Amino acid sequence: MMRSYSYGFPEAVLDAEEERVVKVDLQGVFRPQKLMMHGRMDVIRGSFRVKRSRLPLLDREDVILSYSKVYKCRRGKKVWFRKGRTTIAYNGNKRFIRTYLPSSVEYRHIDPLDYVSLKQLFCGTEAAMPNFGDGALASMFGVDRVGNSLPLPTVSTSISLVLKNHGDIQVRVRASILGIGL
């Protein structure tokens, strides 16, 4: 009789340029099928993109203040909220403030898993990934990815992940593996 199992790895706290191994012990024979990871960092990273502007992408260090006005609209009992203009105060040689339409400003978030790579995956003591370069980018195994199935051998002892942070800030990674118990 086959059953679906899910095993969660302990949280890996990776400082800048740190490599860590997380391990989960299995109960019985397990055939892994899907690996999922979720990353979190305390520092917010990303960039603003202003459409139809000659300004380059703006990092958070280039922006002192940014906010959008929200207006409450009402028609009878129906109430909705409308986004107003977005104001951005720039830092640099000349500090200045500009106001844009809401459709002209876009914030691009950076996923914390973009800083982390999966160097190796061990099924018991056997390496399941070929050794090449810096491994696979951890964002390939994000929870929003559908097609990250793993053709891994059947295991009965433990599964280990070797994770490395390539960024300059601390990233917390939670991972889980789904599969079939035999």
N, C-alpha and C. Protein backbone atom coordinates (compact mmCIF):
# COMPACT_ATOMS: atom_id res chain seq x y z
N MET A 1 0.84 -1.17 0.00
CA MET A 1 0.00 0.00 0.00
C MET A 1 0.89 1.25 0.00
N MET A 2 0.61 2.16 -0.91
CA MET A 2 1.41 3.38 -1.03
C MET A 2 0.67 4.54 -0.38
N ARG A 3 1.44 5.41 0.32
CA ARG A 3 0.88 6.60 0.96
C ARG A 3 1.74 7.80 0.61
N SER A 4 1.12 8.95 0.57
CA SER A 4 1.86 10.19 0.35
C SER A 4 2.41 10.69 1.68
N TYR A 5 3.68 11.06 1.68
CA TYR A 5 4.32 11.58 2.88
C TYR A 5 4.96 12.92 2.57
N SER A 6 5.08 13.72 3.61
CA SER A 6 5.75 15.01 3.52
C SER A 6 6.67 15.14 4.72
N TYR A 7 7.93 15.47 4.48
CA TYR A 7 8.90 15.68 5.55
C TYR A 7 9.39 17.11 5.49
N GLY A 8 9.43 17.76 6.65
CA GLY A 8 9.92 19.13 6.73
C GLY A 8 11.31 19.18 7.33
N PHE A 9 12.20 19.93 6.68
CA PHE A 9 13.55 20.12 7.19
C PHE A 9 13.54 21.21 8.25
N PRO A 10 14.48 21.19 9.19
CA PRO A 10 14.56 22.31 10.13
C PRO A 10 14.97 23.59 9.39
N GLU A 11 14.62 24.73 9.97
CA GLU A 11 14.92 26.00 9.32
C GLU A 11 16.43 26.23 9.29
N ALA A 12 16.94 26.62 8.13
CA ALA A 12 18.36 26.92 7.97
C ALA A 12 18.54 28.43 7.97
N VAL A 13 19.31 28.93 8.92
CA VAL A 13 19.62 30.36 8.99
C VAL A 13 21.01 30.54 8.39
N LEU A 14 21.05 31.14 7.21
CA LEU A 14 22.30 31.29 6.46
C LEU A 14 22.76 32.74 6.49
N ASP A 15 23.91 32.99 7.11
CA ASP A 15 24.51 34.31 7.06
C ASP A 15 25.19 34.50 5.71
N ALA A 16 25.75 35.67 5.49
CA ALA A 16 26.41 35.96 4.21
C ALA A 16 27.55 34.99 3.95
N GLU A 17 27.57 34.42 2.75
CA GLU A 17 28.60 33.47 2.29
C GLU A 17 28.73 32.24 3.19
N GLU A 18 27.65 31.82 3.82
CA GLU A 18 27.69 30.65 4.71
C GLU A 18 27.08 29.44 4.01
N GLU A 19 27.63 28.27 4.32
CA GLU A 19 27.12 27.01 3.80
C GLU A 19 26.65 26.16 4.97
N ARG A 20 25.47 25.55 4.84
CA ARG A 20 24.90 24.78 5.94
C ARG A 20 24.23 23.52 5.40
N VAL A 21 24.26 22.47 6.22
CA VAL A 21 23.62 21.19 5.87
C VAL A 21 22.41 21.01 6.78
N VAL A 22 21.24 20.75 6.18
CA VAL A 22 20.04 20.42 6.96
C VAL A 22 19.66 18.99 6.61
N LYS A 23 19.19 18.27 7.63
CA LYS A 23 18.95 16.84 7.46
C LYS A 23 17.63 16.46 8.11
N VAL A 24 16.93 15.52 7.50
CA VAL A 24 15.70 14.99 8.06
C VAL A 24 15.81 13.45 8.04
N ASP A 25 15.46 12.84 9.17
CA ASP A 25 15.47 11.38 9.26
C ASP A 25 14.11 10.84 8.81
N LEU A 26 14.13 9.75 8.08
CA LEU A 26 12.91 9.18 7.51
C LEU A 26 12.40 8.01 8.35
N GLN A 27 11.12 7.77 8.24
CA GLN A 27 10.50 6.63 8.91
C GLN A 27 10.05 5.65 7.84
N GLY A 28 10.82 4.62 7.61
CA GLY A 28 10.47 3.63 6.59
C GLY A 28 11.06 3.98 5.24
N VAL A 29 10.57 3.29 4.21
CA VAL A 29 11.07 3.47 2.85
C VAL A 29 10.30 4.62 2.20
N PHE A 30 11.03 5.53 1.56
CA PHE A 30 10.45 6.76 1.02
C PHE A 30 11.02 7.01 -0.37
N ARG A 31 10.15 7.40 -1.29
CA ARG A 31 10.57 7.74 -2.65
C ARG A 31 10.26 9.22 -2.89
N PRO A 32 11.27 10.09 -2.84
CA PRO A 32 11.02 11.53 -3.00
C PRO A 32 10.56 11.88 -4.42
N GLN A 33 9.63 12.85 -4.47
CA GLN A 33 9.13 13.28 -5.77
C GLN A 33 9.21 14.79 -5.99
N LYS A 34 9.09 15.58 -4.92
CA LYS A 34 9.08 17.03 -5.11
C LYS A 34 9.74 17.70 -3.91
N LEU A 35 10.60 18.67 -4.18
CA LEU A 35 11.27 19.47 -3.16
C LEU A 35 10.74 20.88 -3.24
N MET A 36 10.36 21.44 -2.09
CA MET A 36 9.85 22.80 -2.05
C MET A 36 10.64 23.60 -1.02
N MET A 37 10.92 24.87 -1.35
CA MET A 37 11.65 25.76 -0.44
C MET A 37 10.94 27.09 -0.35
N HIS A 38 11.09 27.70 0.84
CA HIS A 38 10.54 29.03 1.08
C HIS A 38 11.61 29.84 1.79
N GLY A 39 11.93 31.02 1.28
CA GLY A 39 12.96 31.86 1.86
C GLY A 39 12.37 33.11 2.48
N ARG A 40 13.10 33.63 3.48
CA ARG A 40 12.66 34.83 4.19
C ARG A 40 13.88 35.62 4.61
N MET A 41 13.82 36.94 4.49
CA MET A 41 14.91 37.79 4.98
C MET A 41 14.32 39.02 5.62
N ASP A 42 15.03 39.56 6.62
CA ASP A 42 14.54 40.71 7.36
C ASP A 42 14.65 41.99 6.56
N VAL A 43 15.69 42.10 5.75
CA VAL A 43 15.90 43.30 4.94
C VAL A 43 15.07 43.18 3.68
N ILE A 44 14.36 44.24 3.33
CA ILE A 44 13.55 44.24 2.12
C ILE A 44 14.43 44.69 0.96
N ARG A 45 14.53 43.86 -0.05
CA ARG A 45 15.33 44.20 -1.23
C ARG A 45 14.41 44.26 -2.44
N GLY A 46 14.72 45.14 -3.32
CA GLY A 46 13.95 45.28 -4.54
C GLY A 46 14.34 46.57 -5.24
N SER A 47 13.63 46.90 -6.29
CA SER A 47 13.92 48.13 -7.01
C SER A 47 12.62 48.70 -7.57
N PHE A 48 12.60 50.03 -7.70
CA PHE A 48 11.48 50.71 -8.30
C PHE A 48 11.77 50.90 -9.78
N ARG A 49 10.76 50.73 -10.59
CA ARG A 49 10.88 50.99 -12.02
C ARG A 49 9.82 52.01 -12.37
N VAL A 50 10.26 53.13 -12.91
CA VAL A 50 9.35 54.17 -13.33
C VAL A 50 9.25 54.11 -14.84
N LYS A 51 8.04 53.88 -15.34
CA LYS A 51 7.83 53.77 -16.79
C LYS A 51 7.92 55.16 -17.43
N ARG A 52 8.36 55.17 -18.66
CA ARG A 52 8.49 56.40 -19.44
C ARG A 52 9.34 57.44 -18.71
N SER A 53 10.46 56.98 -18.15
CA SER A 53 11.36 57.88 -17.45
C SER A 53 12.79 57.57 -17.86
N ARG A 54 13.64 58.56 -17.82
CA ARG A 54 15.05 58.36 -18.15
C ARG A 54 15.85 57.90 -16.94
N LEU A 55 15.22 57.88 -15.76
CA LEU A 55 15.91 57.43 -14.56
C LEU A 55 16.12 55.92 -14.61
N PRO A 56 17.29 55.45 -14.17
CA PRO A 56 17.52 53.99 -14.16
C PRO A 56 16.71 53.33 -13.05
N LEU A 57 16.82 51.99 -12.93
CA LEU A 57 16.15 51.30 -11.84
C LEU A 57 16.66 51.84 -10.51
N LEU A 58 15.78 52.08 -9.59
CA LEU A 58 16.14 52.73 -8.33
C LEU A 58 16.17 51.70 -7.22
N ASP A 59 17.32 51.55 -6.59
CA ASP A 59 17.42 50.68 -5.42
C ASP A 59 16.84 51.40 -4.22
N ARG A 60 16.71 50.66 -3.12
CA ARG A 60 16.14 51.25 -1.92
C ARG A 60 17.05 52.32 -1.32
N GLU A 61 18.36 52.28 -1.63
CA GLU A 61 19.27 53.31 -1.13
C GLU A 61 19.07 54.63 -1.87
N ASP A 62 18.55 54.57 -3.10
CA ASP A 62 18.33 55.77 -3.89
C ASP A 62 17.03 56.48 -3.54
N VAL A 63 16.15 55.82 -2.82
CA VAL A 63 14.84 56.38 -2.51
C VAL A 63 14.76 56.67 -1.02
N ILE A 64 14.48 57.91 -0.66
CA ILE A 64 14.33 58.29 0.74
C ILE A 64 12.94 57.94 1.24
N LEU A 65 11.94 58.25 0.44
CA LEU A 65 10.55 58.11 0.85
C LEU A 65 9.70 57.80 -0.36
N SER A 66 8.75 56.90 -0.21
CA SER A 66 7.79 56.65 -1.28
C SER A 66 6.46 56.28 -0.65
N TYR A 67 5.40 56.81 -1.19
CA TYR A 67 4.07 56.50 -0.69
C TYR A 67 3.05 56.73 -1.79
N SER A 68 1.91 56.09 -1.62
CA SER A 68 0.79 56.26 -2.54
C SER A 68 -0.43 56.67 -1.76
N LYS A 69 -1.18 57.59 -2.29
CA LYS A 69 -2.43 58.00 -1.66
C LYS A 69 -3.53 57.03 -2.07
N VAL A 70 -4.39 56.71 -1.13
CA VAL A 70 -5.52 55.83 -1.40
C VAL A 70 -6.80 56.61 -1.10
N TYR A 71 -7.70 56.61 -2.06
CA TYR A 71 -8.95 57.35 -1.91
C TYR A 71 -10.10 56.38 -1.69
N LYS A 72 -10.98 56.75 -0.78
CA LYS A 72 -12.18 55.96 -0.51
C LYS A 72 -13.31 56.52 -1.37
N CYS A 73 -13.89 55.67 -2.20
CA CYS A 73 -14.97 56.08 -3.09
C CYS A 73 -16.26 55.41 -2.62
N ARG A 74 -17.37 56.12 -2.76
CA ARG A 74 -18.65 55.58 -2.29
C ARG A 74 -19.74 55.96 -3.27
N ARG A 75 -20.57 54.98 -3.61
CA ARG A 75 -21.76 55.21 -4.42
C ARG A 75 -22.89 54.44 -3.77
N GLY A 76 -23.68 55.13 -2.97
CA GLY A 76 -24.74 54.45 -2.22
C GLY A 76 -24.12 53.57 -1.14
N LYS A 77 -24.50 52.29 -1.12
CA LYS A 77 -23.94 51.36 -0.15
C LYS A 77 -22.63 50.74 -0.63
N LYS A 78 -22.34 50.90 -1.89
CA LYS A 78 -21.13 50.30 -2.45
C LYS A 78 -19.92 51.20 -2.13
N VAL A 79 -18.86 50.59 -1.54
CA VAL A 79 -17.64 51.31 -1.18
C VAL A 79 -16.45 50.60 -1.80
N TRP A 80 -15.54 51.36 -2.40
CA TRP A 80 -14.32 50.79 -2.94
C TRP A 80 -13.18 51.79 -2.74
N PHE A 81 -11.96 51.32 -2.92
CA PHE A 81 -10.78 52.15 -2.72
C PHE A 81 -10.04 52.27 -4.05
N ARG A 82 -9.57 53.49 -4.33
CA ARG A 82 -8.87 53.78 -5.58
C ARG A 82 -7.48 54.30 -5.25
N LYS A 83 -6.49 53.79 -5.96
CA LYS A 83 -5.12 54.23 -5.73
C LYS A 83 -4.89 55.57 -6.40
N GLY A 84 -4.31 56.50 -5.66
CA GLY A 84 -4.01 57.82 -6.20
C GLY A 84 -2.58 57.90 -6.70
N ARG A 85 -2.06 59.10 -6.73
CA ARG A 85 -0.71 59.31 -7.24
C ARG A 85 0.35 58.76 -6.29
N THR A 86 1.48 58.33 -6.85
CA THR A 86 2.61 57.81 -6.09
C THR A 86 3.68 58.89 -6.04
N THR A 87 4.16 59.17 -4.83
CA THR A 87 5.19 60.18 -4.64
C THR A 87 6.49 59.50 -4.22
N ILE A 88 7.58 59.87 -4.89
CA ILE A 88 8.90 59.30 -4.60
C ILE A 88 9.88 60.43 -4.36
N ALA A 89 10.59 60.38 -3.21
CA ALA A 89 11.64 61.36 -2.90
C ALA A 89 12.98 60.69 -3.17
N TYR A 90 13.77 61.28 -4.05
CA TYR A 90 15.03 60.70 -4.50
C TYR A 90 16.20 61.22 -3.67
N ASN A 91 17.22 60.36 -3.51
CA ASN A 91 18.45 60.71 -2.82
C ASN A 91 19.56 60.73 -3.86
N GLY A 92 20.55 61.50 -3.66
CA GLY A 92 21.66 61.54 -4.60
C GLY A 92 22.35 62.89 -4.53
N ASN A 93 22.97 63.31 -5.64
CA ASN A 93 23.63 64.62 -5.67
C ASN A 93 22.62 65.73 -5.44
N LYS A 94 21.49 65.61 -6.12
CA LYS A 94 20.40 66.57 -5.94
C LYS A 94 19.20 65.80 -5.41
N ARG A 95 18.71 66.18 -4.27
CA ARG A 95 17.51 65.54 -3.73
C ARG A 95 16.29 66.23 -4.33
N PHE A 96 15.35 65.43 -4.83
CA PHE A 96 14.14 66.00 -5.41
C PHE A 96 12.98 65.04 -5.21
N ILE A 97 11.77 65.56 -5.38
CA ILE A 97 10.54 64.79 -5.18
C ILE A 97 9.76 64.84 -6.49
N ARG A 98 9.26 63.66 -6.92
CA ARG A 98 8.44 63.57 -8.12
C ARG A 98 7.16 62.83 -7.78
N THR A 99 6.10 63.16 -8.48
CA THR A 99 4.82 62.50 -8.33
C THR A 99 4.44 61.85 -9.66
N TYR A 100 4.00 60.59 -9.57
CA TYR A 100 3.69 59.81 -10.77
C TYR A 100 2.29 59.24 -10.67
N LEU A 101 1.74 58.89 -11.83
CA LEU A 101 0.47 58.18 -11.85
C LEU A 101 0.70 56.76 -11.33
N PRO A 102 -0.32 56.13 -10.74
CA PRO A 102 -0.11 54.78 -10.20
C PRO A 102 0.27 53.75 -11.25
N SER A 103 -0.14 53.96 -12.48
CA SER A 103 0.20 53.00 -13.53
C SER A 103 1.65 53.15 -14.01
N SER A 104 2.34 54.22 -13.60
CA SER A 104 3.70 54.47 -14.07
C SER A 104 4.79 53.94 -13.13
N VAL A 105 4.44 53.56 -11.89
CA VAL A 105 5.43 53.11 -10.92
C VAL A 105 5.22 51.64 -10.64
N GLU A 106 6.31 50.88 -10.72
CA GLU A 106 6.25 49.43 -10.48
C GLU A 106 7.37 49.06 -9.53
N TYR A 107 7.05 48.30 -8.49
CA TYR A 107 8.07 47.85 -7.55
C TYR A 107 8.37 46.39 -7.84
N ARG A 108 9.62 46.06 -8.06
CA ARG A 108 10.04 44.69 -8.33
C ARG A 108 10.69 44.11 -7.09
N HIS A 109 10.06 43.11 -6.53
CA HIS A 109 10.54 42.46 -5.32
C HIS A 109 11.60 41.42 -5.67
N ILE A 110 12.63 41.29 -4.84
CA ILE A 110 13.66 40.27 -5.04
C ILE A 110 13.36 39.12 -4.09
N ASP A 111 13.25 37.92 -4.64
CA ASP A 111 12.98 36.72 -3.85
C ASP A 111 14.22 36.36 -3.03
N PRO A 112 14.06 36.06 -1.73
CA PRO A 112 15.22 35.67 -0.92
C PRO A 112 15.92 34.42 -1.43
N LEU A 113 15.19 33.54 -2.12
CA LEU A 113 15.81 32.32 -2.64
C LEU A 113 16.77 32.59 -3.80
N ASP A 114 16.75 33.81 -4.35
CA ASP A 114 17.70 34.15 -5.39
C ASP A 114 19.13 34.24 -4.86
N TYR A 115 19.28 34.42 -3.55
CA TYR A 115 20.61 34.49 -2.94
C TYR A 115 21.14 33.11 -2.53
N VAL A 116 20.28 32.08 -2.53
CA VAL A 116 20.64 30.76 -1.99
C VAL A 116 20.74 29.76 -3.14
N SER A 117 21.69 28.84 -3.02
CA SER A 117 21.80 27.76 -4.00
C SER A 117 21.83 26.42 -3.27
N LEU A 118 21.28 25.40 -3.94
CA LEU A 118 21.30 24.03 -3.44
C LEU A 118 22.54 23.37 -4.05
N LYS A 119 23.57 23.18 -3.22
CA LYS A 119 24.84 22.64 -3.71
C LYS A 119 24.78 21.13 -3.93
N GLN A 120 24.09 20.42 -3.03
CA GLN A 120 24.03 18.96 -3.15
C GLN A 120 22.83 18.44 -2.36
N LEU A 121 22.29 17.34 -2.80
CA LEU A 121 21.19 16.65 -2.13
C LEU A 121 21.65 15.21 -1.91
N PHE A 122 21.67 14.78 -0.65
CA PHE A 122 22.11 13.43 -0.32
C PHE A 122 20.92 12.57 0.07
N CYS A 123 20.77 11.42 -0.56
CA CYS A 123 19.78 10.41 -0.19
C CYS A 123 20.53 9.34 0.59
N GLY A 124 20.44 9.40 1.91
CA GLY A 124 21.27 8.55 2.76
C GLY A 124 22.68 9.09 2.71
N THR A 125 23.63 8.30 2.21
CA THR A 125 25.01 8.77 2.03
C THR A 125 25.35 8.97 0.56
N GLU A 126 24.41 8.67 -0.32
CA GLU A 126 24.63 8.76 -1.76
C GLU A 126 24.25 10.14 -2.28
N ALA A 127 25.14 10.77 -3.05
CA ALA A 127 24.86 12.08 -3.65
C ALA A 127 23.88 11.90 -4.80
N ALA A 128 22.83 12.73 -4.83
CA ALA A 128 21.79 12.60 -5.84
C ALA A 128 21.92 13.63 -6.96
N MET A 129 22.81 14.61 -6.81
CA MET A 129 23.01 15.63 -7.84
C MET A 129 24.43 15.53 -8.38
N PRO A 130 24.62 15.82 -9.65
CA PRO A 130 26.00 15.85 -10.17
C PRO A 130 26.73 17.07 -9.62
N ASN A 131 28.02 16.95 -9.42
CA ASN A 131 28.82 18.07 -8.93
C ASN A 131 29.16 19.00 -10.09
N PHE A 132 28.59 20.18 -10.07
CA PHE A 132 28.91 21.17 -11.09
C PHE A 132 28.72 22.55 -10.50
N GLY A 133 29.70 23.41 -10.66
CA GLY A 133 29.62 24.81 -10.29
C GLY A 133 29.10 25.06 -8.89
N ASP A 134 28.18 25.99 -8.81
CA ASP A 134 27.61 26.40 -7.53
C ASP A 134 26.29 25.70 -7.23
N GLY A 135 25.93 24.69 -7.96
CA GLY A 135 24.68 23.98 -7.71
C GLY A 135 23.51 24.64 -8.40
N ALA A 136 22.32 24.28 -7.95
CA ALA A 136 21.08 24.80 -8.55
C ALA A 136 20.57 25.98 -7.73
N LEU A 137 20.03 26.97 -8.38
CA LEU A 137 19.46 28.11 -7.70
C LEU A 137 18.23 27.66 -6.92
N ALA A 138 18.12 28.06 -5.67
CA ALA A 138 17.04 27.59 -4.81
C ALA A 138 15.68 28.11 -5.25
N SER A 139 15.63 29.19 -6.01
CA SER A 139 14.34 29.69 -6.47
C SER A 139 13.67 28.73 -7.45
N MET A 140 14.44 27.78 -8.01
CA MET A 140 13.84 26.76 -8.87
C MET A 140 12.92 25.84 -8.07
N PHE A 141 13.14 25.76 -6.76
CA PHE A 141 12.35 24.89 -5.89
C PHE A 141 11.37 25.69 -5.04
N GLY A 142 11.06 26.91 -5.45
CA GLY A 142 10.12 27.74 -4.71
C GLY A 142 8.72 27.16 -4.75
N VAL A 143 7.89 27.58 -3.81
CA VAL A 143 6.54 27.02 -3.71
C VAL A 143 5.66 27.45 -4.87
N ASP A 144 6.04 28.50 -5.59
CA ASP A 144 5.25 28.92 -6.74
C ASP A 144 5.63 28.20 -8.03
N ARG A 145 6.62 27.33 -7.99
CA ARG A 145 7.03 26.55 -9.16
C ARG A 145 6.28 25.23 -9.18
N VAL A 146 5.77 24.86 -10.34
CA VAL A 146 4.97 23.64 -10.44
C VAL A 146 5.81 22.45 -10.88
N GLY A 147 6.67 22.61 -11.84
CA GLY A 147 7.34 21.48 -12.44
C GLY A 147 8.72 21.17 -11.91
N ASN A 148 8.89 21.07 -10.61
CA ASN A 148 10.22 20.76 -10.08
C ASN A 148 10.25 19.35 -9.50
N SER A 149 9.80 18.40 -10.27
CA SER A 149 9.81 17.02 -9.80
C SER A 149 11.23 16.47 -9.80
N LEU A 150 11.50 15.55 -8.89
CA LEU A 150 12.85 15.01 -8.71
C LEU A 150 12.88 13.53 -9.03
N PRO A 151 13.71 13.11 -9.96
CA PRO A 151 13.88 11.67 -10.21
C PRO A 151 14.94 11.11 -9.25
N LEU A 152 14.58 10.89 -8.01
CA LEU A 152 15.53 10.44 -6.98
C LEU A 152 15.32 8.98 -6.65
N PRO A 153 16.37 8.32 -6.16
CA PRO A 153 16.23 6.91 -5.77
C PRO A 153 15.44 6.76 -4.47
N THR A 154 14.96 5.55 -4.23
CA THR A 154 14.24 5.25 -3.00
C THR A 154 15.22 5.24 -1.83
N VAL A 155 14.78 5.83 -0.70
CA VAL A 155 15.65 6.04 0.46
C VAL A 155 14.96 5.50 1.70
N SER A 156 15.75 5.03 2.67
CA SER A 156 15.14 4.54 3.91
C SER A 156 15.77 5.15 5.16
N THR A 157 16.84 5.93 5.05
CA THR A 157 17.50 6.45 6.25
C THR A 157 17.27 7.95 6.43
N SER A 158 17.86 8.79 5.58
CA SER A 158 17.74 10.23 5.74
C SER A 158 17.96 10.94 4.41
N ILE A 159 17.55 12.21 4.38
CA ILE A 159 17.78 13.08 3.23
C ILE A 159 18.44 14.35 3.76
N SER A 160 19.51 14.78 3.11
CA SER A 160 20.25 15.98 3.52
C SER A 160 20.34 16.96 2.37
N LEU A 161 20.25 18.25 2.70
CA LEU A 161 20.42 19.32 1.72
C LEU A 161 21.63 20.15 2.12
N VAL A 162 22.47 20.48 1.15
CA VAL A 162 23.60 21.38 1.38
C VAL A 162 23.24 22.70 0.72
N LEU A 163 23.02 23.75 1.54
CA LEU A 163 22.59 25.05 1.06
C LEU A 163 23.71 26.07 1.26
N LYS A 164 23.84 27.01 0.32
CA LYS A 164 24.85 28.06 0.45
C LYS A 164 24.22 29.40 0.10
N ASN A 165 24.51 30.41 0.95
CA ASN A 165 24.05 31.77 0.72
C ASN A 165 25.14 32.53 -0.02
N HIS A 166 24.82 33.07 -1.20
CA HIS A 166 25.78 33.85 -1.98
C HIS A 166 25.60 35.34 -1.79
N GLY A 167 24.58 35.74 -1.05
CA GLY A 167 24.30 37.16 -0.87
C GLY A 167 25.08 37.79 0.26
N ASP A 168 24.75 39.04 0.55
CA ASP A 168 25.43 39.78 1.61
C ASP A 168 24.57 39.98 2.84
N ILE A 169 23.40 39.33 2.90
CA ILE A 169 22.52 39.45 4.05
C ILE A 169 22.07 38.07 4.51
N GLN A 170 21.49 38.02 5.70
CA GLN A 170 21.04 36.75 6.27
C GLN A 170 19.72 36.33 5.64
N VAL A 171 19.63 35.03 5.28
CA VAL A 171 18.43 34.47 4.67
C VAL A 171 18.03 33.24 5.47
N ARG A 172 16.74 33.11 5.75
CA ARG A 172 16.20 31.94 6.44
C ARG A 172 15.46 31.09 5.42
N VAL A 173 15.79 29.79 5.39
CA VAL A 173 15.22 28.90 4.37
C VAL A 173 14.52 27.75 5.07
N ARG A 174 13.28 27.51 4.68
CA ARG A 174 12.51 26.34 5.11
C ARG A 174 12.29 25.46 3.90
N ALA A 175 12.51 24.17 4.07
CA ALA A 175 12.35 23.25 2.95
C ALA A 175 11.52 22.06 3.38
N SER A 176 10.81 21.48 2.44
CA SER A 176 10.06 20.25 2.69
C SER A 176 10.14 19.40 1.42
N ILE A 177 9.99 18.11 1.63
CA ILE A 177 10.07 17.18 0.51
C ILE A 177 8.84 16.28 0.53
N LEU A 178 8.24 16.12 -0.62
CA LEU A 178 7.04 15.32 -0.77
C LEU A 178 7.38 14.05 -1.54
N GLY A 179 6.67 12.96 -1.22
CA GLY A 179 6.93 11.72 -1.92
C GLY A 179 5.97 10.62 -1.51
N ILE A 180 6.32 9.41 -1.90
CA ILE A 180 5.48 8.25 -1.65
C ILE A 180 6.20 7.31 -0.71
N GLY A 181 5.49 6.88 0.32
CA GLY A 181 6.03 5.88 1.24
C GLY A 181 5.61 4.49 0.79
N LEU A 182 6.56 3.58 0.74
CA LEU A 182 6.28 2.24 0.26
C LEU A 182 6.09 1.27 1.40
